[in-house]
Amino acid sequence: MKLQSDPHSGANTITGYGDGYVEINRTPYSHAVLLSSDGGIQEWAVPSFDELSAIDFSQMAALKPELIIIGTGKRQRFPKPELLKTLIEAKIGFEVMDSQAACRTYNILVGEGRQVLLALIVEAI
């Protein structure tokens, strides 16, 4: 699915997504990413939801966003509470949703000028 973005905002936006890929600023990625509204695009070494670790959540918290949107792949799945502890202790808000909903929500929040981080798992086809 293609999404519309505001080319004048200067923020990273999701411009499309589908099975096995996400398109950021019109560039496709076929791996998990950490995408900051006001920073860079990082490859995120998370091959699947089941392999999420405390280190992955520490990596997200270190970026100090206002809010984290966690896209868990084709379906919404909730991380173990002990993994979320780092975000809770850092007082960083988070939402968990399937990756397509996460992409749409991220773009809406970026459009509102929010400092948001998208932690997106891209599942292989």
PDB file of N, CA and C in Angstrom:
ATOM      1  N   MET A   1       0.843  -1.165   0.000  1.00  0.00           N
ATOM      2  CA  MET A   1       0.000   0.000   0.000  1.00  0.00           C
ATOM      3  C   MET A   1       0.891   1.231   0.000  1.00  0.00           C
ATOM      4  N   LYS A   2       0.544   2.204  -0.824  1.00  0.00           N
ATOM      5  CA  LYS A   2       1.269   3.477  -0.870  1.00  0.00           C
ATOM      6  C   LYS A   2       0.600   4.452   0.085  1.00  0.00           C
ATOM      7  N   LEU A   3       1.403   5.264   0.734  1.00  0.00           N
ATOM      8  CA  LEU A   3       0.901   6.292   1.635  1.00  0.00           C
ATOM      9  C   LEU A   3       1.375   7.643   1.149  1.00  0.00           C
ATOM     10  N   GLN A   4       0.607   8.663   1.412  1.00  0.00           N
ATOM     11  CA  GLN A   4       0.986  10.029   1.058  1.00  0.00           C
ATOM     12  C   GLN A   4       1.803  10.620   2.196  1.00  0.00           C
ATOM     13  N   SER A   5       2.804  11.389   1.858  1.00  0.00           N
ATOM     14  CA  SER A   5       3.593  12.071   2.888  1.00  0.00           C
ATOM     15  C   SER A   5       3.693  13.544   2.524  1.00  0.00           C
ATOM     16  N   ASP A   6       4.061  14.325   3.509  1.00  0.00           N
ATOM     17  CA  ASP A   6       4.253  15.751   3.296  1.00  0.00           C
ATOM     18  C   ASP A   6       5.721  15.990   2.989  1.00  0.00           C
ATOM     19  N   PRO A   7       6.076  16.243   1.732  1.00  0.00           N
ATOM     20  CA  PRO A   7       7.487  16.392   1.375  1.00  0.00           C
ATOM     21  C   PRO A   7       8.139  17.617   1.984  1.00  0.00           C
ATOM     22  N   HIS A   8       7.360  18.520   2.542  1.00  0.00           N
ATOM     23  CA  HIS A   8       7.905  19.753   3.108  1.00  0.00           C
ATOM     24  C   HIS A   8       8.177  19.661   4.606  1.00  0.00           C
ATOM     25  N   SER A   9       7.764  18.559   5.227  1.00  0.00           N
ATOM     26  CA  SER A   9       7.899  18.462   6.676  1.00  0.00           C
ATOM     27  C   SER A   9       9.342  18.205   7.114  1.00  0.00           C
ATOM     28  N   GLY A  10      10.146  17.560   6.286  1.00  0.00           N
ATOM     29  CA  GLY A  10      11.516  17.251   6.648  1.00  0.00           C
ATOM     30  C   GLY A  10      11.654  16.040   7.552  1.00  0.00           C
ATOM     31  N   ALA A  11      10.549  15.474   8.005  1.00  0.00           N
ATOM     32  CA  ALA A  11      10.578  14.311   8.883  1.00  0.00           C
ATOM     33  C   ALA A  11      10.586  13.028   8.057  1.00  0.00           C
ATOM     34  N   ASN A  12      11.137  11.977   8.630  1.00  0.00           N
ATOM     35  CA  ASN A  12      11.054  10.659   8.006  1.00  0.00           C
ATOM     36  C   ASN A  12       9.609  10.194   8.019  1.00  0.00           C
ATOM     37  N   THR A  13       9.131   9.691   6.882  1.00  0.00           N
ATOM     38  CA  THR A  13       7.767   9.178   6.831  1.00  0.00           C
ATOM     39  C   THR A  13       7.728   7.837   6.108  1.00  0.00           C
ATOM     40  N   ILE A  14       6.692   7.077   6.414  1.00  0.00           N
ATOM     41  CA  ILE A  14       6.427   5.821   5.727  1.00  0.00           C
ATOM     42  C   ILE A  14       5.667   6.178   4.454  1.00  0.00           C
ATOM     43  N   THR A  15       6.205   5.770   3.319  1.00  0.00           N
ATOM     44  CA  THR A  15       5.560   6.077   2.036  1.00  0.00           C
ATOM     45  C   THR A  15       4.914   4.850   1.404  1.00  0.00           C
ATOM     46  N   GLY A  16       5.109   3.680   2.000  1.00  0.00           N
ATOM     47  CA  GLY A  16       4.465   2.465   1.519  1.00  0.00           C
ATOM     48  C   GLY A  16       4.850   1.281   2.383  1.00  0.00           C
ATOM     49  N   TYR A  17       4.065   0.219   2.303  1.00  0.00           N
ATOM     50  CA  TYR A  17       4.383  -1.007   3.018  1.00  0.00           C
ATOM     51  C   TYR A  17       3.633  -2.165   2.373  1.00  0.00           C
ATOM     52  N   GLY A  18       4.089  -3.353   2.651  1.00  0.00           N
ATOM     53  CA  GLY A  18       3.455  -4.564   2.145  1.00  0.00           C
ATOM     54  C   GLY A  18       4.149  -5.776   2.733  1.00  0.00           C
ATOM     55  N   ASP A  19       3.814  -6.950   2.215  1.00  0.00           N
ATOM     56  CA  ASP A  19       4.433  -8.171   2.715  1.00  0.00           C
ATOM     57  C   ASP A  19       5.926  -8.130   2.455  1.00  0.00           C
ATOM     58  N   GLY A  20       6.713  -8.189   3.508  1.00  0.00           N
ATOM     59  CA  GLY A  20       8.152  -8.283   3.389  1.00  0.00           C
ATOM     60  C   GLY A  20       8.904  -6.989   3.175  1.00  0.00           C
ATOM     61  N   TYR A  21       8.225  -5.836   3.240  1.00  0.00           N
ATOM     62  CA  TYR A  21       8.952  -4.571   3.059  1.00  0.00           C
ATOM     63  C   TYR A  21       8.207  -3.414   3.706  1.00  0.00           C
ATOM     64  N   VAL A  22       8.959  -2.366   3.961  1.00  0.00           N
ATOM     65  CA  VAL A  22       8.413  -1.066   4.330  1.00  0.00           C
ATOM     66  C   VAL A  22       9.171  -0.047   3.492  1.00  0.00           C
ATOM     67  N   GLU A  23       8.484   0.985   3.062  1.00  0.00           N
ATOM     68  CA  GLU A  23       9.113   2.029   2.256  1.00  0.00           C
ATOM     69  C   GLU A  23       9.168   3.309   3.091  1.00  0.00           C
ATOM     70  N   ILE A  24      10.400   3.819   3.303  1.00  0.00           N
ATOM     71  CA  ILE A  24      10.614   5.022   4.102  1.00  0.00           C
ATOM     72  C   ILE A  24      11.206   6.080   3.194  1.00  0.00           C
ATOM     73  N   ASN A  25      10.547   7.219   3.123  1.00  0.00           N
ATOM     74  CA  ASN A  25      11.006   8.297   2.242  1.00  0.00           C
ATOM     75  C   ASN A  25      11.262   7.774   0.825  1.00  0.00           C
ATOM     76  N   ARG A  26      10.378   6.898   0.381  1.00  0.00           N
ATOM     77  CA  ARG A  26      10.403   6.295  -0.967  1.00  0.00           C
ATOM     78  C   ARG A  26      11.543   5.296  -1.193  1.00  0.00           C
ATOM     79  N   THR A  27      12.214   4.855  -0.117  1.00  0.00           N
ATOM     80  CA  THR A  27      13.268   3.844  -0.211  1.00  0.00           C
ATOM     81  C   THR A  27      12.777   2.573   0.486  1.00  0.00           C
ATOM     82  N   PRO A  28      12.774   1.424  -0.212  1.00  0.00           N
ATOM     83  CA  PRO A  28      12.282   0.190   0.411  1.00  0.00           C
ATOM     84  C   PRO A  28      13.317  -0.458   1.337  1.00  0.00           C
ATOM     85  N   TYR A  29      12.825  -1.064   2.418  1.00  0.00           N
ATOM     86  CA  TYR A  29      13.638  -1.811   3.374  1.00  0.00           C
ATOM     87  C   TYR A  29      12.957  -3.159   3.592  1.00  0.00           C
ATOM     88  N   SER A  30      13.747  -4.210   3.636  1.00  0.00           N
ATOM     89  CA  SER A  30      13.180  -5.547   3.830  1.00  0.00           C
ATOM     90  C   SER A  30      13.622  -6.156   5.157  1.00  0.00           C
ATOM     91  N   HIS A  31      14.041  -5.309   6.093  1.00  0.00           N
ATOM     92  CA  HIS A  31      14.473  -5.759   7.411  1.00  0.00           C
ATOM     93  C   HIS A  31      13.857  -4.850   8.466  1.00  0.00           C
ATOM     94  N   ALA A  32      13.933  -5.283   9.708  1.00  0.00           N
ATOM     95  CA  ALA A  32      13.410  -4.472  10.812  1.00  0.00           C
ATOM     96  C   ALA A  32      14.172  -3.156  10.900  1.00  0.00           C
ATOM     97  N   VAL A  33      13.452  -2.092  11.280  1.00  0.00           N
ATOM     98  CA  VAL A  33      14.057  -0.765  11.360  1.00  0.00           C
ATOM     99  C   VAL A  33      13.616  -0.041  12.625  1.00  0.00           C
ATOM    100  N   LEU A  34      14.488   0.867  13.065  1.00  0.00           N
ATOM    101  CA  LEU A  34      14.137   1.880  14.052  1.00  0.00           C
ATOM    102  C   LEU A  34      14.110   3.181  13.283  1.00  0.00           C
ATOM    103  N   LEU A  35      12.969   3.821  13.285  1.00  0.00           N
ATOM    104  CA  LEU A  35      12.766   5.031  12.497  1.00  0.00           C
ATOM    105  C   LEU A  35      12.353   6.165  13.412  1.00  0.00           C
ATOM    106  N   SER A  36      13.170   7.195  13.454  1.00  0.00           N
ATOM    107  CA  SER A  36      12.896   8.356  14.285  1.00  0.00           C
ATOM    108  C   SER A  36      12.314   9.470  13.427  1.00  0.00           C
ATOM    109  N   SER A  37      11.335  10.157  13.971  1.00  0.00           N
ATOM    110  CA  SER A  37      10.713  11.251  13.222  1.00  0.00           C
ATOM    111  C   SER A  37      11.696  12.367  12.934  1.00  0.00           C
ATOM    112  N   ASP A  38      12.677  12.539  13.793  1.00  0.00           N
ATOM    113  CA  ASP A  38      13.606  13.654  13.615  1.00  0.00           C
ATOM    114  C   ASP A  38      15.062  13.219  13.488  1.00  0.00           C
ATOM    115  N   GLY A  39      15.277  11.931  13.283  1.00  0.00           N
ATOM    116  CA  GLY A  39      16.645  11.437  13.200  1.00  0.00           C
ATOM    117  C   GLY A  39      16.828  10.467  12.060  1.00  0.00           C
ATOM    118  N   GLY A  40      17.598   9.471  12.307  1.00  0.00           N
ATOM    119  CA  GLY A  40      17.962   8.551  11.255  1.00  0.00           C
ATOM    120  C   GLY A  40      17.073   7.333  11.146  1.00  0.00           C
ATOM    121  N   ILE A  41      17.462   6.519  10.212  1.00  0.00           N
ATOM    122  CA  ILE A  41      16.843   5.227   9.971  1.00  0.00           C
ATOM    123  C   ILE A  41      17.925   4.197  10.280  1.00  0.00           C
ATOM    124  N   GLN A  42      17.656   3.342  11.262  1.00  0.00           N
ATOM    125  CA  GLN A  42      18.642   2.344  11.660  1.00  0.00           C
ATOM    126  C   GLN A  42      18.122   0.950  11.375  1.00  0.00           C
ATOM    127  N   GLU A  43      19.006   0.096  10.869  1.00  0.00           N
ATOM    128  CA  GLU A  43      18.641  -1.315  10.793  1.00  0.00           C
ATOM    129  C   GLU A  43      18.521  -1.799  12.227  1.00  0.00           C
ATOM    130  N   TRP A  44      17.479  -2.555  12.499  1.00  0.00           N
ATOM    131  CA  TRP A  44      17.215  -3.061  13.842  1.00  0.00           C
ATOM    132  C   TRP A  44      17.423  -4.569  13.792  1.00  0.00           C
ATOM    133  N   ALA A  45      18.339  -5.089  14.544  1.00  0.00           N
ATOM    134  CA  ALA A  45      18.711  -6.501  14.474  1.00  0.00           C
ATOM    135  C   ALA A  45      17.698  -7.399  15.179  1.00  0.00           C
ATOM    136  N   VAL A  46      16.449  -7.328  14.743  1.00  0.00           N
ATOM    137  CA  VAL A  46      15.377  -8.149  15.292  1.00  0.00           C
ATOM    138  C   VAL A  46      14.760  -8.938  14.136  1.00  0.00           C
ATOM    139  N   PRO A  47      15.158 -10.199  13.968  1.00  0.00           N
ATOM    140  CA  PRO A  47      14.645 -10.965  12.838  1.00  0.00           C
ATOM    141  C   PRO A  47      13.169 -11.350  12.962  1.00  0.00           C
ATOM    142  N   SER A  48      12.668 -11.441  14.212  1.00  0.00           N
ATOM    143  CA  SER A  48      11.259 -11.796  14.405  1.00  0.00           C
ATOM    144  C   SER A  48      10.808 -11.360  15.798  1.00  0.00           C
ATOM    145  N   PHE A  49       9.508 -11.312  15.978  1.00  0.00           N
ATOM    146  CA  PHE A  49       8.945 -10.921  17.268  1.00  0.00           C
ATOM    147  C   PHE A  49       9.456 -11.814  18.392  1.00  0.00           C
ATOM    148  N   ASP A  50       9.518 -13.111  18.125  1.00  0.00           N
ATOM    149  CA  ASP A  50       9.926 -14.068  19.161  1.00  0.00           C
ATOM    150  C   ASP A  50      11.365 -13.872  19.632  1.00  0.00           C
ATOM    151  N   GLU A  51      12.147 -13.122  18.887  1.00  0.00           N
ATOM    152  CA  GLU A  51      13.546 -12.915  19.251  1.00  0.00           C
ATOM    153  C   GLU A  51      13.801 -11.548  19.889  1.00  0.00           C
ATOM    154  N   LEU A  52      12.748 -10.822  20.253  1.00  0.00           N
ATOM    155  CA  LEU A  52      12.922  -9.557  20.969  1.00  0.00           C
ATOM    156  C   LEU A  52      13.617  -9.819  22.302  1.00  0.00           C
ATOM    157  N   SER A  53      14.538  -8.913  22.669  1.00  0.00           N
ATOM    158  CA  SER A  53      15.273  -9.072  23.928  1.00  0.00           C
ATOM    159  C   SER A  53      15.309  -7.748  24.683  1.00  0.00           C
ATOM    160  N   ALA A  54      15.770  -7.807  25.903  1.00  0.00           N
ATOM    161  CA  ALA A  54      15.906  -6.602  26.724  1.00  0.00           C
ATOM    162  C   ALA A  54      16.847  -5.597  26.063  1.00  0.00           C
ATOM    163  N   ILE A  55      17.860  -6.080  25.369  1.00  0.00           N
ATOM    164  CA  ILE A  55      18.799  -5.196  24.667  1.00  0.00           C
ATOM    165  C   ILE A  55      18.069  -4.360  23.616  1.00  0.00           C
ATOM    166  N   ASP A  56      17.108  -4.963  22.921  1.00  0.00           N
ATOM    167  CA  ASP A  56      16.346  -4.228  21.901  1.00  0.00           C
ATOM    168  C   ASP A  56      15.561  -3.076  22.528  1.00  0.00           C
ATOM    169  N   PHE A  57      15.007  -3.292  23.702  1.00  0.00           N
ATOM    170  CA  PHE A  57      14.245  -2.239  24.374  1.00  0.00           C
ATOM    171  C   PHE A  57      15.159  -1.170  24.956  1.00  0.00           C
ATOM    172  N   SER A  58      16.346  -1.558  25.400  1.00  0.00           N
ATOM    173  CA  SER A  58      17.336  -0.575  25.857  1.00  0.00           C
ATOM    174  C   SER A  58      17.777   0.304  24.690  1.00  0.00           C
ATOM    175  N   GLN A  59      17.935  -0.305  23.521  1.00  0.00           N
ATOM    176  CA  GLN A  59      18.315   0.444  22.320  1.00  0.00           C
ATOM    177  C   GLN A  59      17.251   1.497  21.989  1.00  0.00           C
ATOM    178  N   MET A  60      15.983   1.129  22.090  1.00  0.00           N
ATOM    179  CA  MET A  60      14.902   2.084  21.838  1.00  0.00           C
ATOM    180  C   MET A  60      14.928   3.208  22.870  1.00  0.00           C
ATOM    181  N   ALA A  61      15.055   2.860  24.145  1.00  0.00           N
ATOM    182  CA  ALA A  61      15.030   3.856  25.220  1.00  0.00           C
ATOM    183  C   ALA A  61      16.190   4.836  25.097  1.00  0.00           C
ATOM    184  N   ALA A  62      17.332   4.372  24.631  1.00  0.00           N
ATOM    185  CA  ALA A  62      18.518   5.225  24.504  1.00  0.00           C
ATOM    186  C   ALA A  62      18.295   6.375  23.523  1.00  0.00           C
ATOM    187  N   LEU A  63      17.351   6.217  22.606  1.00  0.00           N
ATOM    188  CA  LEU A  63      17.050   7.276  21.633  1.00  0.00           C
ATOM    189  C   LEU A  63      16.158   8.374  22.219  1.00  0.00           C
ATOM    190  N   LYS A  64      15.617   8.149  23.405  1.00  0.00           N
ATOM    191  CA  LYS A  64      14.848   9.118  24.188  1.00  0.00           C
ATOM    192  C   LYS A  64      13.699   9.787  23.422  1.00  0.00           C
ATOM    193  N   PRO A  65      12.852   8.982  22.797  1.00  0.00           N
ATOM    194  CA  PRO A  65      11.689   9.577  22.139  1.00  0.00           C
ATOM    195  C   PRO A  65      10.593   9.901  23.153  1.00  0.00           C
ATOM    196  N   GLU A  66       9.641  10.685  22.718  1.00  0.00           N
ATOM    197  CA  GLU A  66       8.456  10.975  23.531  1.00  0.00           C
ATOM    198  C   GLU A  66       7.565   9.735  23.596  1.00  0.00           C
ATOM    199  N   LEU A  67       7.493   9.014  22.483  1.00  0.00           N
ATOM    200  CA  LEU A  67       6.590   7.870  22.339  1.00  0.00           C
ATOM    201  C   LEU A  67       7.223   6.861  21.383  1.00  0.00           C
ATOM    202  N   ILE A  68       7.012   5.576  21.666  1.00  0.00           N
ATOM    203  CA  ILE A  68       7.493   4.516  20.779  1.00  0.00           C
ATOM    204  C   ILE A  68       6.290   3.736  20.270  1.00  0.00           C
ATOM    205  N   ILE A  69       6.240   3.562  18.962  1.00  0.00           N
ATOM    206  CA  ILE A  69       5.250   2.697  18.335  1.00  0.00           C
ATOM    207  C   ILE A  69       5.981   1.416  17.957  1.00  0.00           C
ATOM    208  N   ILE A  70       5.521   0.290  18.484  1.00  0.00           N
ATOM    209  CA  ILE A  70       6.163  -0.990  18.215  1.00  0.00           C
ATOM    210  C   ILE A  70       5.274  -1.768  17.250  1.00  0.00           C
ATOM    211  N   GLY A  71       5.775  -1.987  16.037  1.00  0.00           N
ATOM    212  CA  GLY A  71       5.069  -2.773  15.030  1.00  0.00           C
ATOM    213  C   GLY A  71       5.548  -4.207  15.099  1.00  0.00           C
ATOM    214  N   THR A  72       4.659  -5.134  15.449  1.00  0.00           N
ATOM    215  CA  THR A  72       5.049  -6.504  15.773  1.00  0.00           C
ATOM    216  C   THR A  72       4.918  -7.493  14.618  1.00  0.00           C
ATOM    217  N   GLY A  73       4.794  -7.014  13.402  1.00  0.00           N
ATOM    218  CA  GLY A  73       4.671  -7.914  12.261  1.00  0.00           C
ATOM    219  C   GLY A  73       3.245  -7.961  11.746  1.00  0.00           C
ATOM    220  N   LYS A  74       2.870  -9.069  11.158  1.00  0.00           N
ATOM    221  CA  LYS A  74       1.563  -9.190  10.504  1.00  0.00           C
ATOM    222  C   LYS A  74       0.400  -9.158  11.483  1.00  0.00           C
ATOM    223  N   ARG A  75       0.672  -9.491  12.736  1.00  0.00           N
ATOM    224  CA  ARG A  75      -0.406  -9.439  13.732  1.00  0.00           C
ATOM    225  C   ARG A  75       0.104  -8.776  15.010  1.00  0.00           C
ATOM    226  N   GLN A  76      -0.829  -8.243  15.760  1.00  0.00           N
ATOM    227  CA  GLN A  76      -0.479  -7.589  17.017  1.00  0.00           C
ATOM    228  C   GLN A  76      -0.126  -8.654  18.053  1.00  0.00           C
ATOM    229  N   ARG A  77       1.035  -8.483  18.650  1.00  0.00           N
ATOM    230  CA  ARG A  77       1.495  -9.372  19.706  1.00  0.00           C
ATOM    231  C   ARG A  77       2.123  -8.497  20.788  1.00  0.00           C
ATOM    232  N   PHE A  78       1.969  -8.886  22.027  1.00  0.00           N
ATOM    233  CA  PHE A  78       2.475  -8.067  23.124  1.00  0.00           C
ATOM    234  C   PHE A  78       3.760  -8.651  23.698  1.00  0.00           C
ATOM    235  N   PRO A  79       4.800  -7.810  23.807  1.00  0.00           N
ATOM    236  CA  PRO A  79       6.055  -8.276  24.403  1.00  0.00           C
ATOM    237  C   PRO A  79       5.853  -8.657  25.871  1.00  0.00           C
ATOM    238  N   LYS A  80       6.723  -9.524  26.354  1.00  0.00           N
ATOM    239  CA  LYS A  80       6.686  -9.915  27.766  1.00  0.00           C
ATOM    240  C   LYS A  80       6.864  -8.671  28.627  1.00  0.00           C
ATOM    241  N   PRO A  81       6.153  -8.572  29.746  1.00  0.00           N
ATOM    242  CA  PRO A  81       6.256  -7.387  30.614  1.00  0.00           C
ATOM    243  C   PRO A  81       7.688  -7.059  31.045  1.00  0.00           C
ATOM    244  N   GLU A  82       8.504  -8.070  31.269  1.00  0.00           N
ATOM    245  CA  GLU A  82       9.878  -7.792  31.701  1.00  0.00           C
ATOM    246  C   GLU A  82      10.687  -7.075  30.616  1.00  0.00           C
ATOM    247  N   LEU A  83      10.306  -7.239  29.355  1.00  0.00           N
ATOM    248  CA  LEU A  83      10.987  -6.528  28.277  1.00  0.00           C
ATOM    249  C   LEU A  83      10.601  -5.048  28.261  1.00  0.00           C
ATOM    250  N   LEU A  84       9.383  -4.760  28.642  1.00  0.00           N
ATOM    251  CA  LEU A  84       8.881  -3.384  28.628  1.00  0.00           C
ATOM    252  C   LEU A  84       9.367  -2.563  29.823  1.00  0.00           C
ATOM    253  N   LYS A  85       9.948  -3.222  30.799  1.00  0.00           N
ATOM    254  CA  LYS A  85      10.390  -2.572  32.036  1.00  0.00           C
ATOM    255  C   LYS A  85      11.293  -1.363  31.765  1.00  0.00           C
ATOM    256  N   THR A  86      12.217  -1.486  30.812  1.00  0.00           N
ATOM    257  CA  THR A  86      13.143  -0.397  30.488  1.00  0.00           C
ATOM    258  C   THR A  86      12.387   0.851  30.047  1.00  0.00           C
ATOM    259  N   LEU A  87      11.368   0.676  29.210  1.00  0.00           N
ATOM    260  CA  LEU A  87      10.596   1.822  28.729  1.00  0.00           C
ATOM    261  C   LEU A  87       9.776   2.441  29.856  1.00  0.00           C
ATOM    262  N   ILE A  88       9.207   1.602  30.686  1.00  0.00           N
ATOM    263  CA  ILE A  88       8.392   2.092  31.803  1.00  0.00           C
ATOM    264  C   ILE A  88       9.262   2.883  32.779  1.00  0.00           C
ATOM    265  N   GLU A  89      10.432   2.350  33.117  1.00  0.00           N
ATOM    266  CA  GLU A  89      11.334   3.037  34.045  1.00  0.00           C
ATOM    267  C   GLU A  89      11.842   4.360  33.468  1.00  0.00           C
ATOM    268  N   ALA A  90      11.994   4.423  32.145  1.00  0.00           N
ATOM    269  CA  ALA A  90      12.453   5.655  31.487  1.00  0.00           C
ATOM    270  C   ALA A  90      11.299   6.632  31.244  1.00  0.00           C
ATOM    271  N   LYS A  91      10.082   6.228  31.633  1.00  0.00           N
ATOM    272  CA  LYS A  91       8.880   7.056  31.455  1.00  0.00           C
ATOM    273  C   LYS A  91       8.659   7.425  29.979  1.00  0.00           C
ATOM    274  N   ILE A  92       8.883   6.429  29.116  1.00  0.00           N
ATOM    275  CA  ILE A  92       8.642   6.596  27.687  1.00  0.00           C
ATOM    276  C   ILE A  92       7.353   5.863  27.355  1.00  0.00           C
ATOM    277  N   GLY A  93       6.415   6.586  26.779  1.00  0.00           N
ATOM    278  CA  GLY A  93       5.161   5.970  26.373  1.00  0.00           C
ATOM    279  C   GLY A  93       5.377   5.035  25.200  1.00  0.00           C
ATOM    280  N   PHE A  94       4.532   4.007  25.107  1.00  0.00           N
ATOM    281  CA  PHE A  94       4.642   3.074  23.991  1.00  0.00           C
ATOM    282  C   PHE A  94       3.276   2.509  23.644  1.00  0.00           C
ATOM    283  N   GLU A  95       3.139   2.129  22.393  1.00  0.00           N
ATOM    284  CA  GLU A  95       1.947   1.447  21.892  1.00  0.00           C
ATOM    285  C   GLU A  95       2.421   0.261  21.079  1.00  0.00           C
ATOM    286  N   VAL A  96       1.687  -0.831  21.140  1.00  0.00           N
ATOM    287  CA  VAL A  96       2.024  -2.047  20.413  1.00  0.00           C
ATOM    288  C   VAL A  96       0.883  -2.348  19.451  1.00  0.00           C
ATOM    289  N   MET A  97       1.245  -2.568  18.171  1.00  0.00           N
ATOM    290  CA  MET A  97       0.219  -2.871  17.161  1.00  0.00           C
ATOM    291  C   MET A  97       0.844  -3.648  16.012  1.00  0.00           C
ATOM    292  N   ASP A  98       0.006  -4.167  15.122  1.00  0.00           N
ATOM    293  CA  ASP A  98       0.584  -4.841  13.958  1.00  0.00           C
ATOM    294  C   ASP A  98       1.345  -3.804  13.136  1.00  0.00           C
ATOM    295  N   SER A  99       2.257  -4.256  12.305  1.00  0.00           N
ATOM    296  CA  SER A  99       3.167  -3.340  11.622  1.00  0.00           C
ATOM    297  C   SER A  99       2.466  -2.371  10.672  1.00  0.00           C
ATOM    298  N   GLN A 100       1.412  -2.813   9.991  1.00  0.00           N
ATOM    299  CA  GLN A 100       0.726  -1.892   9.090  1.00  0.00           C
ATOM    300  C   GLN A 100       0.032  -0.775   9.870  1.00  0.00           C
ATOM    301  N   ALA A 101      -0.622  -1.110  10.971  1.00  0.00           N
ATOM    302  CA  ALA A 101      -1.247  -0.082  11.808  1.00  0.00           C
ATOM    303  C   ALA A 101      -0.182   0.835  12.402  1.00  0.00           C
ATOM    304  N   ALA A 102       0.968   0.261  12.760  1.00  0.00           N
ATOM    305  CA  ALA A 102       2.062   1.057  13.315  1.00  0.00           C
ATOM    306  C   ALA A 102       2.557   2.086  12.303  1.00  0.00           C
ATOM    307  N   CYS A 103       2.657   1.687  11.038  1.00  0.00           N
ATOM    308  CA  CYS A 103       3.093   2.620   9.986  1.00  0.00           C
ATOM    309  C   CYS A 103       2.121   3.788   9.853  1.00  0.00           C
ATOM    310  N   ARG A 104       0.828   3.489   9.820  1.00  0.00           N
ATOM    311  CA  ARG A 104      -0.171   4.545   9.683  1.00  0.00           C
ATOM    312  C   ARG A 104      -0.160   5.472  10.891  1.00  0.00           C
ATOM    313  N   THR A 105      -0.082   4.897  12.094  1.00  0.00           N
ATOM    314  CA  THR A 105      -0.077   5.688  13.325  1.00  0.00           C
ATOM    315  C   THR A 105       1.163   6.566  13.402  1.00  0.00           C
ATOM    316  N   TYR A 106       2.301   6.015  13.037  1.00  0.00           N
ATOM    317  CA  TYR A 106       3.545   6.782  13.022  1.00  0.00           C
ATOM    318  C   TYR A 106       3.393   8.017  12.145  1.00  0.00           C
ATOM    319  N   ASN A 107       2.888   7.850  10.933  1.00  0.00           N
ATOM    320  CA  ASN A 107       2.731   8.997  10.022  1.00  0.00           C
ATOM    321  C   ASN A 107       1.792  10.061  10.593  1.00  0.00           C
ATOM    322  N   ILE A 108       0.730   9.632  11.250  1.00  0.00           N
ATOM    323  CA  ILE A 108      -0.202  10.591  11.855  1.00  0.00           C
ATOM    324  C   ILE A 108       0.512  11.391  12.946  1.00  0.00           C
ATOM    325  N   LEU A 109       1.254  10.698  13.804  1.00  0.00           N
ATOM    326  CA  LEU A 109       1.954  11.379  14.900  1.00  0.00           C
ATOM    327  C   LEU A 109       3.044  12.307  14.377  1.00  0.00           C
ATOM    328  N   VAL A 110       3.762  11.886  13.332  1.00  0.00           N
ATOM    329  CA  VAL A 110       4.771  12.753  12.719  1.00  0.00           C
ATOM    330  C   VAL A 110       4.099  14.002  12.158  1.00  0.00           C
ATOM    331  N   GLY A 111       2.941  13.830  11.538  1.00  0.00           N
ATOM    332  CA  GLY A 111       2.193  14.967  10.995  1.00  0.00           C
ATOM    333  C   GLY A 111       1.765  15.956  12.078  1.00  0.00           C
ATOM    334  N   GLU A 112       1.619  15.466  13.307  1.00  0.00           N
ATOM    335  CA  GLU A 112       1.270  16.330  14.439  1.00  0.00           C
ATOM    336  C   GLU A 112       2.507  16.957  15.080  1.00  0.00           C
ATOM    337  N   GLY A 113       3.688  16.631  14.552  1.00  0.00           N
ATOM    338  CA  GLY A 113       4.920  17.199  15.092  1.00  0.00           C
ATOM    339  C   GLY A 113       5.445  16.502  16.329  1.00  0.00           C
ATOM    340  N   ARG A 114       4.978  15.279  16.593  1.00  0.00           N
ATOM    341  CA  ARG A 114       5.408  14.548  17.787  1.00  0.00           C
ATOM    342  C   ARG A 114       6.791  13.943  17.592  1.00  0.00           C
ATOM    343  N   GLN A 115       7.530  13.792  18.676  1.00  0.00           N
ATOM    344  CA  GLN A 115       8.832  13.131  18.663  1.00  0.00           C
ATOM    345  C   GLN A 115       8.579  11.647  18.911  1.00  0.00           C
ATOM    346  N   VAL A 116       8.489  10.893  17.825  1.00  0.00           N
ATOM    347  CA  VAL A 116       8.087   9.496  17.906  1.00  0.00           C
ATOM    348  C   VAL A 116       9.141   8.599  17.271  1.00  0.00           C
ATOM    349  N   LEU A 117       9.254   7.399  17.822  1.00  0.00           N
ATOM    350  CA  LEU A 117      10.148   6.376  17.293  1.00  0.00           C
ATOM    351  C   LEU A 117       9.290   5.204  16.861  1.00  0.00           C
ATOM    352  N   LEU A 118       9.514   4.726  15.643  1.00  0.00           N
ATOM    353  CA  LEU A 118       8.837   3.523  15.148  1.00  0.00           C
ATOM    354  C   LEU A 118       9.836   2.378  15.205  1.00  0.00           C
ATOM    355  N   ALA A 119       9.515   1.362  15.990  1.00  0.00           N
ATOM    356  CA  ALA A 119      10.308   0.133  16.057  1.00  0.00           C
ATOM    357  C   ALA A 119       9.512  -0.913  15.287  1.00  0.00           C
ATOM    358  N   LEU A 120       9.935  -1.203  14.082  1.00  0.00           N
ATOM    359  CA  LEU A 120       9.116  -1.959  13.138  1.00  0.00           C
ATOM    360  C   LEU A 120       9.761  -3.277  12.761  1.00  0.00           C
ATOM    361  N   ILE A 121       9.036  -4.355  13.026  1.00  0.00           N
ATOM    362  CA  ILE A 121       9.464  -5.681  12.589  1.00  0.00           C
ATOM    363  C   ILE A 121       8.858  -5.902  11.203  1.00  0.00           C
ATOM    364  N   VAL A 122       9.721  -6.199  10.234  1.00  0.00           N
ATOM    365  CA  VAL A 122       9.284  -6.477   8.868  1.00  0.00           C
ATOM    366  C   VAL A 122       9.453  -7.981   8.666  1.00  0.00           C
ATOM    367  N   GLU A 123       8.334  -8.670   8.528  1.00  0.00           N
ATOM    368  CA  GLU A 123       8.395 -10.118   8.366  1.00  0.00           C
ATOM    369  C   GLU A 123       8.606 -10.499   6.919  1.00  0.00           C
ATOM    370  N   ALA A 124       9.439 -11.503   6.718  1.00  0.00           N
ATOM    371  CA  ALA A 124       9.673 -12.010   5.365  1.00  0.00           C
ATOM    372  C   ALA A 124       8.382 -12.643   4.840  1.00  0.00           C
ATOM    373  N   ILE A 125       8.269 -12.663   3.549  1.00  0.00           N
ATOM    374  CA  ILE A 125       7.059 -13.227   2.917  1.00  0.00           C
ATOM    375  C   ILE A 125       7.014 -14.721   3.152  1.00  0.00           C
TER     376      ILE A 125
END
